[in-house]
Amino acid sequence: MAALGKLGGITGGCSFAKPGIAAMDIKITFLARKTKPELDIKKQVFPYFIAILSPDQQILQRQNFSTKVDFDNTGYGVMIEEHELKIPVPSREAASGYKVVVGYELSPDQLAYNRKKEDKNAD
């Protein structure tokens, strides 16, 4: 594994320009570091997804993206991605029950690595 990525934070706001549609602007901060500073890589691509969940936790929308993080001379990097989401909602009052979920799209090997690491931390 050449680099590790981490979600640094998600910020945003919501507005209701049209009836039945919540418009949400979000900014996602991605943090990354090389696993070894001496590795000769200048950037790393990280695939991620954004999903919108209904109040009963059903996935209403899910879209895949990727971001490219450039590394500085210390082996660290930051990238901020901006997205505008349109969420169909029955009413303005109901909008607070919806959730936006952001996560990394993991390969089977990455998922196994994370699960192994979680098991060690549970001890």
PDB file of N, CA and C in Angstrom:
ATOM      1  N   MET A   1       0.847  -1.167   0.000  1.00  0.00           N
ATOM      2  CA  MET A   1       0.000   0.000   0.000  1.00  0.00           C
ATOM      3  C   MET A   1       0.900   1.240   0.000  1.00  0.00           C
ATOM      4  N   ALA A   2       0.722   2.089  -0.994  1.00  0.00           N
ATOM      5  CA  ALA A   2       1.594   3.254  -1.153  1.00  0.00           C
ATOM      6  C   ALA A   2       1.152   4.449  -0.322  1.00  0.00           C
ATOM      7  N   ALA A   3      -0.169   4.577  -0.084  1.00  0.00           N
ATOM      8  CA  ALA A   3      -0.669   5.743   0.647  1.00  0.00           C
ATOM      9  C   ALA A   3      -1.912   5.374   1.440  1.00  0.00           C
ATOM     10  N   LEU A   4      -2.138   6.142   2.494  1.00  0.00           N
ATOM     11  CA  LEU A   4      -3.328   5.978   3.322  1.00  0.00           C
ATOM     12  C   LEU A   4      -4.173   7.236   3.207  1.00  0.00           C
ATOM     13  N   GLY A   5      -5.482   7.069   3.124  1.00  0.00           N
ATOM     14  CA  GLY A   5      -6.390   8.206   3.034  1.00  0.00           C
ATOM     15  C   GLY A   5      -7.336   8.246   4.216  1.00  0.00           C
ATOM     16  N   LYS A   6      -7.781   9.455   4.530  1.00  0.00           N
ATOM     17  CA  LYS A   6      -8.688   9.649   5.656  1.00  0.00           C
ATOM     18  C   LYS A   6      -9.624  10.805   5.319  1.00  0.00           C
ATOM     19  N   LEU A   7     -10.884  10.667   5.701  1.00  0.00           N
ATOM     20  CA  LEU A   7     -11.809  11.781   5.545  1.00  0.00           C
ATOM     21  C   LEU A   7     -11.529  12.773   6.666  1.00  0.00           C
ATOM     22  N   GLY A   8     -11.211  13.994   6.287  1.00  0.00           N
ATOM     23  CA  GLY A   8     -10.877  15.010   7.282  1.00  0.00           C
ATOM     24  C   GLY A   8     -12.080  15.754   7.811  1.00  0.00           C
ATOM     25  N   GLY A   9     -13.175  15.736   7.080  1.00  0.00           N
ATOM     26  CA  GLY A   9     -14.382  16.402   7.536  1.00  0.00           C
ATOM     27  C   GLY A   9     -15.309  16.714   6.376  1.00  0.00           C
ATOM     28  N   ILE A  10     -16.566  16.922   6.729  1.00  0.00           N
ATOM     29  CA  ILE A  10     -17.587  17.264   5.755  1.00  0.00           C
ATOM     30  C   ILE A  10     -18.355  18.456   6.306  1.00  0.00           C
ATOM     31  N   THR A  11     -18.467  19.503   5.509  1.00  0.00           N
ATOM     32  CA  THR A  11     -19.247  20.667   5.902  1.00  0.00           C
ATOM     33  C   THR A  11     -20.256  20.959   4.801  1.00  0.00           C
ATOM     34  N   GLY A  12     -21.290  21.693   5.145  1.00  0.00           N
ATOM     35  CA  GLY A  12     -22.259  22.024   4.113  1.00  0.00           C
ATOM     36  C   GLY A  12     -23.450  22.766   4.648  1.00  0.00           C
ATOM     37  N   GLY A  13     -24.331  23.071   3.725  1.00  0.00           N
ATOM     38  CA  GLY A  13     -25.559  23.769   4.052  1.00  0.00           C
ATOM     39  C   GLY A  13     -26.665  23.310   3.137  1.00  0.00           C
ATOM     40  N   CYS A  14     -27.901  23.598   3.540  1.00  0.00           N
ATOM     41  CA  CYS A  14     -29.063  23.130   2.817  1.00  0.00           C
ATOM     42  C   CYS A  14     -29.989  24.306   2.534  1.00  0.00           C
ATOM     43  N   SER A  15     -30.623  24.289   1.359  1.00  0.00           N
ATOM     44  CA  SER A  15     -31.607  25.308   1.024  1.00  0.00           C
ATOM     45  C   SER A  15     -32.769  24.654   0.287  1.00  0.00           C
ATOM     46  N   PHE A  16     -33.858  25.395   0.162  1.00  0.00           N
ATOM     47  CA  PHE A  16     -35.068  24.870  -0.470  1.00  0.00           C
ATOM     48  C   PHE A  16     -35.535  25.852  -1.541  1.00  0.00           C
ATOM     49  N   ALA A  17     -34.879  25.816  -2.681  1.00  0.00           N
ATOM     50  CA  ALA A  17     -35.210  26.733  -3.764  1.00  0.00           C
ATOM     51  C   ALA A  17     -36.502  26.328  -4.462  1.00  0.00           C
ATOM     52  N   LYS A  18     -36.777  25.034  -4.534  1.00  0.00           N
ATOM     53  CA  LYS A  18     -37.981  24.524  -5.205  1.00  0.00           C
ATOM     54  C   LYS A  18     -38.757  23.652  -4.225  1.00  0.00           C
ATOM     55  N   PRO A  19     -40.070  23.659  -4.287  1.00  0.00           N
ATOM     56  CA  PRO A  19     -40.845  22.755  -3.429  1.00  0.00           C
ATOM     57  C   PRO A  19     -40.497  21.292  -3.724  1.00  0.00           C
ATOM     58  N   GLY A  20     -40.306  20.519  -2.667  1.00  0.00           N
ATOM     59  CA  GLY A  20     -40.022  19.099  -2.819  1.00  0.00           C
ATOM     60  C   GLY A  20     -38.574  18.757  -3.102  1.00  0.00           C
ATOM     61  N   ILE A  21     -37.692  19.775  -3.178  1.00  0.00           N
ATOM     62  CA  ILE A  21     -36.274  19.525  -3.446  1.00  0.00           C
ATOM     63  C   ILE A  21     -35.419  20.267  -2.424  1.00  0.00           C
ATOM     64  N   ALA A  22     -34.608  19.517  -1.710  1.00  0.00           N
ATOM     65  CA  ALA A  22     -33.610  20.118  -0.812  1.00  0.00           C
ATOM     66  C   ALA A  22     -32.293  20.156  -1.575  1.00  0.00           C
ATOM     67  N   ALA A  23     -31.707  21.334  -1.675  1.00  0.00           N
ATOM     68  CA  ALA A  23     -30.407  21.483  -2.337  1.00  0.00           C
ATOM     69  C   ALA A  23     -29.346  21.569  -1.247  1.00  0.00           C
ATOM     70  N   MET A  24     -28.345  20.709  -1.341  1.00  0.00           N
ATOM     71  CA  MET A  24     -27.304  20.677  -0.327  1.00  0.00           C
ATOM     72  C   MET A  24     -25.949  20.864  -0.985  1.00  0.00           C
ATOM     73  N   ASP A  25     -25.205  21.838  -0.501  1.00  0.00           N
ATOM     74  CA  ASP A  25     -23.829  22.051  -0.942  1.00  0.00           C
ATOM     75  C   ASP A  25     -22.921  21.492   0.139  1.00  0.00           C
ATOM     76  N   ILE A  26     -22.012  20.585  -0.263  1.00  0.00           N
ATOM     77  CA  ILE A  26     -21.091  20.010   0.722  1.00  0.00           C
ATOM     78  C   ILE A  26     -19.646  20.160   0.247  1.00  0.00           C
ATOM     79  N   LYS A  27     -18.754  20.254   1.228  1.00  0.00           N
ATOM     80  CA  LYS A  27     -17.309  20.235   0.988  1.00  0.00           C
ATOM     81  C   LYS A  27     -16.741  19.069   1.783  1.00  0.00           C
ATOM     82  N   ILE A  28     -15.971  18.248   1.100  1.00  0.00           N
ATOM     83  CA  ILE A  28     -15.366  17.066   1.726  1.00  0.00           C
ATOM     84  C   ILE A  28     -13.853  17.266   1.716  1.00  0.00           C
ATOM     85  N   THR A  29     -13.244  17.144   2.883  1.00  0.00           N
ATOM     86  CA  THR A  29     -11.793  17.269   2.991  1.00  0.00           C
ATOM     87  C   THR A  29     -11.186  15.876   3.070  1.00  0.00           C
ATOM     88  N   PHE A  30     -10.255  15.609   2.167  1.00  0.00           N
ATOM     89  CA  PHE A  30      -9.534  14.333   2.127  1.00  0.00           C
ATOM     90  C   PHE A  30      -8.100  14.570   2.578  1.00  0.00           C
ATOM     91  N   LEU A  31      -7.649  13.775   3.524  1.00  0.00           N
ATOM     92  CA  LEU A  31      -6.273  13.832   4.020  1.00  0.00           C
ATOM     93  C   LEU A  31      -5.568  12.552   3.586  1.00  0.00           C
ATOM     94  N   ALA A  32      -4.305  12.675   3.213  1.00  0.00           N
ATOM     95  CA  ALA A  32      -3.563  11.484   2.779  1.00  0.00           C
ATOM     96  C   ALA A  32      -2.108  11.601   3.195  1.00  0.00           C
ATOM     97  N   ARG A  33      -1.493  10.442   3.326  1.00  0.00           N
ATOM     98  CA  ARG A  33      -0.047  10.396   3.583  1.00  0.00           C
ATOM     99  C   ARG A  33       0.528   9.156   2.935  1.00  0.00           C
ATOM    100  N   LYS A  34       1.768   9.289   2.518  1.00  0.00           N
ATOM    101  CA  LYS A  34       2.473   8.120   1.985  1.00  0.00           C
ATOM    102  C   LYS A  34       2.737   7.170   3.144  1.00  0.00           C
ATOM    103  N   THR A  35       2.723   5.876   2.867  1.00  0.00           N
ATOM    104  CA  THR A  35       3.020   4.920   3.928  1.00  0.00           C
ATOM    105  C   THR A  35       4.486   4.999   4.330  1.00  0.00           C
ATOM    106  N   LYS A  36       5.344   5.401   3.376  1.00  0.00           N
ATOM    107  CA  LYS A  36       6.771   5.638   3.646  1.00  0.00           C
ATOM    108  C   LYS A  36       7.136   6.928   2.917  1.00  0.00           C
ATOM    109  N   PRO A  37       7.632   7.933   3.628  1.00  0.00           N
ATOM    110  CA  PRO A  37       7.930   9.221   2.992  1.00  0.00           C
ATOM    111  C   PRO A  37       8.870   9.129   1.792  1.00  0.00           C
ATOM    112  N   GLU A  38       9.735   8.128   1.773  1.00  0.00           N
ATOM    113  CA  GLU A  38      10.707   8.016   0.678  1.00  0.00           C
ATOM    114  C   GLU A  38      10.121   7.418  -0.604  1.00  0.00           C
ATOM    115  N   LEU A  39       8.878   6.963  -0.576  1.00  0.00           N
ATOM    116  CA  LEU A  39       8.260   6.421  -1.787  1.00  0.00           C
ATOM    117  C   LEU A  39       8.217   7.487  -2.875  1.00  0.00           C
ATOM    118  N   ASP A  40       8.502   7.071  -4.097  1.00  0.00           N
ATOM    119  CA  ASP A  40       8.563   8.008  -5.219  1.00  0.00           C
ATOM    120  C   ASP A  40       7.200   8.114  -5.911  1.00  0.00           C
ATOM    121  N   ILE A  41       6.217   8.591  -5.169  1.00  0.00           N
ATOM    122  CA  ILE A  41       4.913   8.869  -5.762  1.00  0.00           C
ATOM    123  C   ILE A  41       4.576  10.330  -5.486  1.00  0.00           C
ATOM    124  N   LYS A  42       4.002  10.977  -6.467  1.00  0.00           N
ATOM    125  CA  LYS A  42       3.664  12.397  -6.352  1.00  0.00           C
ATOM    126  C   LYS A  42       2.202  12.616  -5.995  1.00  0.00           C
ATOM    127  N   LYS A  43       1.358  11.627  -6.327  1.00  0.00           N
ATOM    128  CA  LYS A  43      -0.077  11.755  -6.080  1.00  0.00           C
ATOM    129  C   LYS A  43      -0.695  10.375  -5.933  1.00  0.00           C
ATOM    130  N   GLN A  44      -1.913  10.378  -5.389  1.00  0.00           N
ATOM    131  CA  GLN A  44      -2.662   9.133  -5.227  1.00  0.00           C
ATOM    132  C   GLN A  44      -4.127   9.426  -5.504  1.00  0.00           C
ATOM    133  N   VAL A  45      -4.772   8.517  -6.222  1.00  0.00           N
ATOM    134  CA  VAL A  45      -6.201   8.637  -6.493  1.00  0.00           C
ATOM    135  C   VAL A  45      -6.952   7.810  -5.451  1.00  0.00           C
ATOM    136  N   PHE A  46      -7.983   8.419  -4.876  1.00  0.00           N
ATOM    137  CA  PHE A  46      -8.816   7.749  -3.887  1.00  0.00           C
ATOM    138  C   PHE A  46     -10.262   7.725  -4.383  1.00  0.00           C
ATOM    139  N   PRO A  47     -10.813   6.536  -4.667  1.00  0.00           N
ATOM    140  CA  PRO A  47     -12.220   6.450  -5.046  1.00  0.00           C
ATOM    141  C   PRO A  47     -13.107   6.573  -3.803  1.00  0.00           C
ATOM    142  N   TYR A  48     -14.229   7.287  -3.951  1.00  0.00           N
ATOM    143  CA  TYR A  48     -15.160   7.449  -2.836  1.00  0.00           C
ATOM    144  C   TYR A  48     -16.588   7.512  -3.373  1.00  0.00           C
ATOM    145  N   PHE A  49     -17.545   7.479  -2.452  1.00  0.00           N
ATOM    146  CA  PHE A  49     -18.954   7.546  -2.841  1.00  0.00           C
ATOM    147  C   PHE A  49     -19.694   8.544  -1.958  1.00  0.00           C
ATOM    148  N   ILE A  50     -20.802   9.019  -2.490  1.00  0.00           N
ATOM    149  CA  ILE A  50     -21.752   9.826  -1.727  1.00  0.00           C
ATOM    150  C   ILE A  50     -23.098   9.142  -1.862  1.00  0.00           C
ATOM    151  N   ALA A  51     -23.743   8.898  -0.738  1.00  0.00           N
ATOM    152  CA  ALA A  51     -25.066   8.261  -0.746  1.00  0.00           C
ATOM    153  C   ALA A  51     -26.033   9.117   0.062  1.00  0.00           C
ATOM    154  N   ILE A  52     -27.289   9.093  -0.364  1.00  0.00           N
ATOM    155  CA  ILE A  52     -28.351   9.774   0.364  1.00  0.00           C
ATOM    156  C   ILE A  52     -29.293   8.710   0.892  1.00  0.00           C
ATOM    157  N   LEU A  53     -29.539   8.761   2.221  1.00  0.00           N
ATOM    158  CA  LEU A  53     -30.394   7.781   2.877  1.00  0.00           C
ATOM    159  C   LEU A  53     -31.706   8.430   3.292  1.00  0.00           C
ATOM    160  N   SER A  54     -32.779   7.692   3.142  1.00  0.00           N
ATOM    161  CA  SER A  54     -34.097   8.149   3.583  1.00  0.00           C
ATOM    162  C   SER A  54     -34.177   8.057   5.108  1.00  0.00           C
ATOM    163  N   PRO A  55     -35.225   8.621   5.705  1.00  0.00           N
ATOM    164  CA  PRO A  55     -35.366   8.514   7.165  1.00  0.00           C
ATOM    165  C   PRO A  55     -35.389   7.073   7.677  1.00  0.00           C
ATOM    166  N   ASP A  56     -35.813   6.112   6.830  1.00  0.00           N
ATOM    167  CA  ASP A  56     -35.814   4.706   7.257  1.00  0.00           C
ATOM    168  C   ASP A  56     -34.550   3.963   6.791  1.00  0.00           C
ATOM    169  N   GLN A  57     -33.486   4.734   6.481  1.00  0.00           N
ATOM    170  CA  GLN A  57     -32.156   4.210   6.150  1.00  0.00           C
ATOM    171  C   GLN A  57     -32.076   3.498   4.800  1.00  0.00           C
ATOM    172  N   GLN A  58     -33.007   3.732   3.898  1.00  0.00           N
ATOM    173  CA  GLN A  58     -32.942   3.168   2.549  1.00  0.00           C
ATOM    174  C   GLN A  58     -32.063   4.062   1.682  1.00  0.00           C
ATOM    175  N   ILE A  59     -31.243   3.453   0.832  1.00  0.00           N
ATOM    176  CA  ILE A  59     -30.387   4.227  -0.067  1.00  0.00           C
ATOM    177  C   ILE A  59     -31.245   4.756  -1.216  1.00  0.00           C
ATOM    178  N   LEU A  60     -31.338   6.085  -1.295  1.00  0.00           N
ATOM    179  CA  LEU A  60     -32.120   6.716  -2.354  1.00  0.00           C
ATOM    180  C   LEU A  60     -31.257   7.034  -3.570  1.00  0.00           C
ATOM    181  N   GLN A  61     -30.046   7.463  -3.315  1.00  0.00           N
ATOM    182  CA  GLN A  61     -29.092   7.797  -4.369  1.00  0.00           C
ATOM    183  C   GLN A  61     -27.708   7.375  -3.897  1.00  0.00           C
ATOM    184  N   ARG A  62     -26.891   6.955  -4.847  1.00  0.00           N
ATOM    185  CA  ARG A  62     -25.497   6.631  -4.540  1.00  0.00           C
ATOM    186  C   ARG A  62     -24.694   6.871  -5.800  1.00  0.00           C
ATOM    187  N   GLN A  63     -23.614   7.646  -5.663  1.00  0.00           N
ATOM    188  CA  GLN A  63     -22.789   7.942  -6.825  1.00  0.00           C
ATOM    189  C   GLN A  63     -21.322   7.805  -6.448  1.00  0.00           C
ATOM    190  N   ASN A  64     -20.543   7.256  -7.389  1.00  0.00           N
ATOM    191  CA  ASN A  64     -19.106   7.077  -7.178  1.00  0.00           C
ATOM    192  C   ASN A  64     -18.331   8.244  -7.770  1.00  0.00           C
ATOM    193  N   PHE A  65     -17.245   8.602  -7.099  1.00  0.00           N
ATOM    194  CA  PHE A  65     -16.353   9.672  -7.521  1.00  0.00           C
ATOM    195  C   PHE A  65     -14.920   9.229  -7.242  1.00  0.00           C
ATOM    196  N   SER A  66     -13.973  10.048  -7.608  1.00  0.00           N
ATOM    197  CA  SER A  66     -12.592   9.846  -7.178  1.00  0.00           C
ATOM    198  C   SER A  66     -11.952  11.208  -7.025  1.00  0.00           C
ATOM    199  N   THR A  67     -10.978  11.267  -6.141  1.00  0.00           N
ATOM    200  CA  THR A  67     -10.228  12.492  -5.927  1.00  0.00           C
ATOM    201  C   THR A  67      -8.747  12.171  -6.029  1.00  0.00           C
ATOM    202  N   LYS A  68      -7.980  13.137  -6.484  1.00  0.00           N
ATOM    203  CA  LYS A  68      -6.534  12.957  -6.615  1.00  0.00           C
ATOM    204  C   LYS A  68      -5.862  13.878  -5.589  1.00  0.00           C
ATOM    205  N   VAL A  69      -5.076  13.280  -4.711  1.00  0.00           N
ATOM    206  CA  VAL A  69      -4.368  14.041  -3.695  1.00  0.00           C
ATOM    207  C   VAL A  69      -2.892  14.112  -4.083  1.00  0.00           C
ATOM    208  N   ASP A  70      -2.374  15.335  -4.187  1.00  0.00           N
ATOM    209  CA  ASP A  70      -0.952  15.546  -4.457  1.00  0.00           C
ATOM    210  C   ASP A  70      -0.200  15.582  -3.134  1.00  0.00           C
ATOM    211  N   PHE A  71       0.966  14.933  -3.101  1.00  0.00           N
ATOM    212  CA  PHE A  71       1.766  14.898  -1.883  1.00  0.00           C
ATOM    213  C   PHE A  71       2.797  16.027  -1.884  1.00  0.00           C
ATOM    214  N   ASP A  72       2.991  16.618  -0.708  1.00  0.00           N
ATOM    215  CA  ASP A  72       4.053  17.618  -0.570  1.00  0.00           C
ATOM    216  C   ASP A  72       5.375  16.898  -0.292  1.00  0.00           C
ATOM    217  N   ASN A  73       6.433  17.654  -0.051  1.00  0.00           N
ATOM    218  CA  ASN A  73       7.752  17.030   0.138  1.00  0.00           C
ATOM    219  C   ASN A  73       7.885  16.281   1.464  1.00  0.00           C
ATOM    220  N   THR A  74       6.882  16.405   2.353  1.00  0.00           N
ATOM    221  CA  THR A  74       6.918  15.641   3.600  1.00  0.00           C
ATOM    222  C   THR A  74       6.115  14.343   3.506  1.00  0.00           C
ATOM    223  N   GLY A  75       5.428  14.143   2.350  1.00  0.00           N
ATOM    224  CA  GLY A  75       4.660  12.918   2.157  1.00  0.00           C
ATOM    225  C   GLY A  75       3.197  13.034   2.541  1.00  0.00           C
ATOM    226  N   TYR A  76       2.710  14.267   2.785  1.00  0.00           N
ATOM    227  CA  TYR A  76       1.312  14.484   3.149  1.00  0.00           C
ATOM    228  C   TYR A  76       0.597  15.283   2.068  1.00  0.00           C
ATOM    229  N   GLY A  77      -0.728  15.147   2.016  1.00  0.00           N
ATOM    230  CA  GLY A  77      -1.514  15.898   1.046  1.00  0.00           C
ATOM    231  C   GLY A  77      -2.937  16.109   1.515  1.00  0.00           C
ATOM    232  N   VAL A  78      -3.569  17.152   0.965  1.00  0.00           N
ATOM    233  CA  VAL A  78      -4.957  17.493   1.280  1.00  0.00           C
ATOM    234  C   VAL A  78      -5.659  17.858  -0.016  1.00  0.00           C
ATOM    235  N   MET A  79      -6.917  17.430  -0.140  1.00  0.00           N
ATOM    236  CA  MET A  79      -7.748  17.830  -1.277  1.00  0.00           C
ATOM    237  C   MET A  79      -9.146  18.104  -0.753  1.00  0.00           C
ATOM    238  N   ILE A  80      -9.764  19.157  -1.268  1.00  0.00           N
ATOM    239  CA  ILE A  80     -11.144  19.482  -0.911  1.00  0.00           C
ATOM    240  C   ILE A  80     -12.001  19.355  -2.164  1.00  0.00           C
ATOM    241  N   GLU A  81     -13.058  18.565  -2.071  1.00  0.00           N
ATOM    242  CA  GLU A  81     -13.998  18.369  -3.167  1.00  0.00           C
ATOM    243  C   GLU A  81     -15.325  19.026  -2.780  1.00  0.00           C
ATOM    244  N   GLU A  82     -15.964  19.665  -3.752  1.00  0.00           N
ATOM    245  CA  GLU A  82     -17.264  20.291  -3.519  1.00  0.00           C
ATOM    246  C   GLU A  82     -18.317  19.614  -4.385  1.00  0.00           C
ATOM    247  N   HIS A  83     -19.504  19.421  -3.800  1.00  0.00           N
ATOM    248  CA  HIS A  83     -20.619  18.790  -4.515  1.00  0.00           C
ATOM    249  C   HIS A  83     -21.916  19.507  -4.186  1.00  0.00           C
ATOM    250  N   GLU A  84     -22.790  19.549  -5.169  1.00  0.00           N
ATOM    251  CA  GLU A  84     -24.148  20.049  -4.959  1.00  0.00           C
ATOM    252  C   GLU A  84     -25.090  18.870  -5.127  1.00  0.00           C
ATOM    253  N   LEU A  85     -25.844  18.567  -4.080  1.00  0.00           N
ATOM    254  CA  LEU A  85     -26.760  17.439  -4.080  1.00  0.00           C
ATOM    255  C   LEU A  85     -28.194  17.943  -4.153  1.00  0.00           C
ATOM    256  N   LYS A  86     -29.017  17.246  -4.871  1.00  0.00           N
ATOM    257  CA  LYS A  86     -30.453  17.532  -4.949  1.00  0.00           C
ATOM    258  C   LYS A  86     -31.182  16.344  -4.326  1.00  0.00           C
ATOM    259  N   ILE A  87     -31.906  16.608  -3.257  1.00  0.00           N
ATOM    260  CA  ILE A  87     -32.562  15.542  -2.519  1.00  0.00           C
ATOM    261  C   ILE A  87     -34.075  15.735  -2.583  1.00  0.00           C
ATOM    262  N   PRO A  88     -34.809  14.793  -3.205  1.00  0.00           N
ATOM    263  CA  PRO A  88     -36.267  14.915  -3.205  1.00  0.00           C
ATOM    264  C   PRO A  88     -36.820  14.623  -1.812  1.00  0.00           C
ATOM    265  N   VAL A  89     -37.570  15.569  -1.274  1.00  0.00           N
ATOM    266  CA  VAL A  89     -38.148  15.417   0.065  1.00  0.00           C
ATOM    267  C   VAL A  89     -39.644  15.744  -0.006  1.00  0.00           C
ATOM    268  N   PRO A  90     -40.454  15.050   0.784  1.00  0.00           N
ATOM    269  CA  PRO A  90     -41.889  15.313   0.732  1.00  0.00           C
ATOM    270  C   PRO A  90     -42.268  16.702   1.267  1.00  0.00           C
ATOM    271  N   SER A  91     -41.480  17.202   2.218  1.00  0.00           N
ATOM    272  CA  SER A  91     -41.748  18.527   2.779  1.00  0.00           C
ATOM    273  C   SER A  91     -40.460  19.070   3.391  1.00  0.00           C
ATOM    274  N   ARG A  92     -40.450  20.361   3.611  1.00  0.00           N
ATOM    275  CA  ARG A  92     -39.295  21.006   4.242  1.00  0.00           C
ATOM    276  C   ARG A  92     -39.048  20.429   5.642  1.00  0.00           C
ATOM    277  N   GLU A  93     -40.116  20.158   6.356  1.00  0.00           N
ATOM    278  CA  GLU A  93     -40.016  19.620   7.714  1.00  0.00           C
ATOM    279  C   GLU A  93     -39.401  18.217   7.732  1.00  0.00           C
ATOM    280  N   ALA A  94     -39.670  17.442   6.698  1.00  0.00           N
ATOM    281  CA  ALA A  94     -39.170  16.062   6.635  1.00  0.00           C
ATOM    282  C   ALA A  94     -37.686  15.991   6.274  1.00  0.00           C
ATOM    283  N   ALA A  95     -37.116  17.063   5.750  1.00  0.00           N
ATOM    284  CA  ALA A  95     -35.733  17.042   5.255  1.00  0.00           C
ATOM    285  C   ALA A  95     -34.716  16.650   6.319  1.00  0.00           C
ATOM    286  N   SER A  96     -34.952  17.009   7.567  1.00  0.00           N
ATOM    287  CA  SER A  96     -33.965  16.693   8.610  1.00  0.00           C
ATOM    288  C   SER A  96     -33.820  15.200   8.865  1.00  0.00           C
ATOM    289  N   GLY A  97     -34.744  14.379   8.378  1.00  0.00           N
ATOM    290  CA  GLY A  97     -34.653  12.931   8.562  1.00  0.00           C
ATOM    291  C   GLY A  97     -33.767  12.233   7.550  1.00  0.00           C
ATOM    292  N   TYR A  98     -33.319  12.947   6.533  1.00  0.00           N
ATOM    293  CA  TYR A  98     -32.480  12.364   5.489  1.00  0.00           C
ATOM    294  C   TYR A  98     -31.015  12.500   5.875  1.00  0.00           C
ATOM    295  N   LYS A  99     -30.186  11.568   5.407  1.00  0.00           N
ATOM    296  CA  LYS A  99     -28.751  11.579   5.731  1.00  0.00           C
ATOM    297  C   LYS A  99     -27.926  11.531   4.466  1.00  0.00           C
ATOM    298  N   VAL A 100     -26.780  12.189   4.533  1.00  0.00           N
ATOM    299  CA  VAL A 100     -25.781  12.101   3.477  1.00  0.00           C
ATOM    300  C   VAL A 100     -24.605  11.332   4.056  1.00  0.00           C
ATOM    301  N   VAL A 101     -24.183  10.277   3.347  1.00  0.00           N
ATOM    302  CA  VAL A 101     -23.083   9.431   3.795  1.00  0.00           C
ATOM    303  C   VAL A 101     -21.967   9.514   2.755  1.00  0.00           C
ATOM    304  N   VAL A 102     -20.749   9.735   3.229  1.00  0.00           N
ATOM    305  CA  VAL A 102     -19.568   9.772   2.365  1.00  0.00           C
ATOM    306  C   VAL A 102     -18.601   8.716   2.867  1.00  0.00           C
ATOM    307  N   GLY A 103     -18.028   7.949   1.961  1.00  0.00           N
ATOM    308  CA  GLY A 103     -17.069   6.929   2.364  1.00  0.00           C
ATOM    309  C   GLY A 103     -16.141   6.557   1.222  1.00  0.00           C
ATOM    310  N   TYR A 104     -15.057   5.911   1.564  1.00  0.00           N
ATOM    311  CA  TYR A 104     -14.132   5.422   0.545  1.00  0.00           C
ATOM    312  C   TYR A 104     -14.678   4.165  -0.091  1.00  0.00           C
ATOM    313  N   GLU A 105     -14.477   4.037  -1.379  1.00  0.00           N
ATOM    314  CA  GLU A 105     -14.805   2.820  -2.123  1.00  0.00           C
ATOM    315  C   GLU A 105     -13.592   1.908  -1.970  1.00  0.00           C
ATOM    316  N   LEU A 106     -13.743   0.819  -1.237  1.00  0.00           N
ATOM    317  CA  LEU A 106     -12.608  -0.043  -0.913  1.00  0.00           C
ATOM    318  C   LEU A 106     -12.568  -1.290  -1.789  1.00  0.00           C
ATOM    319  N   SER A 107     -11.355  -1.696  -2.123  1.00  0.00           N
ATOM    320  CA  SER A 107     -11.166  -2.965  -2.810  1.00  0.00           C
ATOM    321  C   SER A 107     -11.319  -4.085  -1.775  1.00  0.00           C
ATOM    322  N   PRO A 108     -11.502  -5.330  -2.198  1.00  0.00           N
ATOM    323  CA  PRO A 108     -11.578  -6.434  -1.234  1.00  0.00           C
ATOM    324  C   PRO A 108     -10.334  -6.510  -0.336  1.00  0.00           C
ATOM    325  N   ASP A 109      -9.145  -6.250  -0.878  1.00  0.00           N
ATOM    326  CA  ASP A 109      -7.922  -6.282  -0.072  1.00  0.00           C
ATOM    327  C   ASP A 109      -7.912  -5.173   0.982  1.00  0.00           C
ATOM    328  N   GLN A 110      -8.353  -3.980   0.593  1.00  0.00           N
ATOM    329  CA  GLN A 110      -8.396  -2.868   1.544  1.00  0.00           C
ATOM    330  C   GLN A 110      -9.414  -3.136   2.653  1.00  0.00           C
ATOM    331  N   LEU A 111     -10.543  -3.696   2.289  1.00  0.00           N
ATOM    332  CA  LEU A 111     -11.560  -4.024   3.277  1.00  0.00           C
ATOM    333  C   LEU A 111     -11.045  -5.066   4.261  1.00  0.00           C
ATOM    334  N   ALA A 112     -10.367  -6.097   3.753  1.00  0.00           N
ATOM    335  CA  ALA A 112      -9.794  -7.131   4.625  1.00  0.00           C
ATOM    336  C   ALA A 112      -8.749  -6.525   5.559  1.00  0.00           C
ATOM    337  N   TYR A 113      -7.914  -5.620   5.056  1.00  0.00           N
ATOM    338  CA  TYR A 113      -6.899  -4.943   5.874  1.00  0.00           C
ATOM    339  C   TYR A 113      -7.568  -4.168   7.006  1.00  0.00           C
ATOM    340  N   ASN A 114      -8.616  -3.400   6.684  1.00  0.00           N
ATOM    341  CA  ASN A 114      -9.313  -2.612   7.704  1.00  0.00           C
ATOM    342  C   ASN A 114      -9.981  -3.498   8.746  1.00  0.00           C
ATOM    343  N   ARG A 115     -10.574  -4.595   8.299  1.00  0.00           N
ATOM    344  CA  ARG A 115     -11.235  -5.494   9.246  1.00  0.00           C
ATOM    345  C   ARG A 115     -10.224  -6.155  10.170  1.00  0.00           C
ATOM    346  N   LYS A 116      -9.076  -6.533   9.631  1.00  0.00           N
ATOM    347  CA  LYS A 116      -8.015  -7.139  10.443  1.00  0.00           C
ATOM    348  C   LYS A 116      -7.523  -6.135  11.486  1.00  0.00           C
ATOM    349  N   LYS A 117      -7.370  -4.899  11.061  1.00  0.00           N
ATOM    350  CA  LYS A 117      -6.917  -3.846  11.975  1.00  0.00           C
ATOM    351  C   LYS A 117      -7.951  -3.593  13.068  1.00  0.00           C
ATOM    352  N   GLU A 118      -9.251  -3.606  12.725  1.00  0.00           N
ATOM    353  CA  GLU A 118     -10.322  -3.435  13.715  1.00  0.00           C
ATOM    354  C   GLU A 118     -10.296  -4.570  14.734  1.00  0.00           C
ATOM    355  N   ASP A 119     -10.088  -5.806  14.267  1.00  0.00           N
ATOM    356  CA  ASP A 119     -10.046  -6.952  15.179  1.00  0.00           C
ATOM    357  C   ASP A 119      -8.920  -6.813  16.176  1.00  0.00           C
ATOM    358  N   LYS A 120      -7.749  -6.331  15.742  1.00  0.00           N
ATOM    359  CA  LYS A 120      -6.618  -6.146  16.642  1.00  0.00           C
ATOM    360  C   LYS A 120      -6.908  -5.054  17.674  1.00  0.00           C
ATOM    361  N   ASN A 121      -7.614  -4.006  17.254  1.00  0.00           N
ATOM    362  CA  ASN A 121      -7.928  -2.903  18.157  1.00  0.00           C
ATOM    363  C   ASN A 121      -9.008  -3.282  19.156  1.00  0.00           C
ATOM    364  N   ALA A 122      -9.819  -4.302  18.860  1.00  0.00           N
ATOM    365  CA  ALA A 122     -10.896  -4.716  19.749  1.00  0.00           C
ATOM    366  C   ALA A 122     -10.367  -5.479  20.969  1.00  0.00           C
ATOM    367  N   ASP A 123      -9.152  -5.994  20.865  1.00  0.00           N
ATOM    368  CA  ASP A 123      -8.579  -6.785  21.976  1.00  0.00           C
ATOM    369  C   ASP A 123      -8.207  -5.925  23.157  1.00  0.00           C
TER     370      ASP A 123
END
